[in-house]
Amino acid sequence: MAEIINLRMARKARARAADKAEAATNRAQHGRTKAEKSATQAEIARIERTLDGARRED
């Protein structure tokens, strides 16, 4: 026989899990120091310069 579950509690648990995952993403994205943000931005700029330098002209 199937287990009886309370749908309201299951829905709230699913919402809590989704909120927890979103919070973890936000912490990783916004919880960085200014030096870490600038280092990441410089790395992205370096990669873009390298890619643009390797691009072929048509």
Protein backbone atom coordinates (compact mmCIF):
# COMPACT_ATOMS: atom_id res chain seq x y z
CA MET A 1 0.00 0.00 0.00
CA ALA A 2 1.22 3.52 -0.77
CA GLU A 3 2.50 5.83 1.90
CA ILE A 4 0.16 8.70 2.79
CA ILE A 5 1.78 12.13 2.60
CA ASN A 6 0.55 15.59 3.48
CA LEU A 7 0.64 17.54 0.21
CA ARG A 8 0.84 20.92 1.96
CA MET A 9 3.93 19.87 3.89
CA ALA A 10 5.51 18.35 0.77
CA ARG A 11 4.89 21.54 -1.21
CA LYS A 12 6.42 23.68 1.56
CA ALA A 13 9.45 21.38 1.81
CA ARG A 14 9.99 21.60 -1.96
CA ALA A 15 9.75 25.42 -1.78
CA ARG A 16 12.26 25.52 1.10
CA ALA A 17 14.69 23.38 -0.87
CA ALA A 18 14.38 25.67 -3.91
CA ASP A 19 14.92 28.77 -1.75
CA LYS A 20 17.97 27.17 -0.16
CA ALA A 21 19.48 26.40 -3.58
CA GLU A 22 18.84 29.95 -4.79
CA ALA A 23 20.43 31.37 -1.63
CA ALA A 24 23.54 29.25 -2.18
CA THR A 25 23.81 30.56 -5.74
CA ASN A 26 23.43 34.15 -4.56
CA ARG A 27 26.05 33.66 -1.85
CA ALA A 28 28.52 32.38 -4.41
CA GLN A 29 27.77 35.22 -6.80
CA HIS A 30 27.46 38.22 -4.48
CA GLY A 31 29.42 37.21 -1.40
CA ARG A 32 32.81 38.01 -2.87
CA THR A 33 35.31 40.73 -2.03
CA LYS A 34 36.04 43.60 -4.36
CA ALA A 35 39.44 42.08 -5.17
CA GLU A 36 37.87 38.75 -6.16
CA LYS A 37 35.32 40.51 -8.37
CA SER A 38 38.00 42.58 -10.12
CA ALA A 39 40.22 39.51 -10.59
CA THR A 40 37.34 37.62 -12.21
CA GLN A 41 36.55 40.59 -14.43
CA ALA A 42 40.22 40.88 -15.48
CA GLU A 43 40.34 37.15 -16.28
CA ILE A 44 37.22 37.46 -18.46
CA ALA A 45 38.72 40.48 -20.26
CA ARG A 46 41.97 38.56 -20.88
CA ILE A 47 40.09 35.61 -22.33
CA GLU A 48 38.06 37.90 -24.60
CA ARG A 49 41.24 39.65 -25.84
CA THR A 50 42.85 36.29 -26.60
CA LEU A 51 39.76 35.13 -28.45
CA ASP A 52 39.50 38.35 -30.45
CA GLY A 53 43.19 38.14 -31.33
CA ALA A 54 42.77 34.62 -32.69
CA ARG A 55 39.74 35.51 -34.77
CA ARG A 56 40.16 35.30 -38.52
CA GLU A 57 39.28 38.26 -40.72
CA ASP A 58 37.00 37.54 -43.68
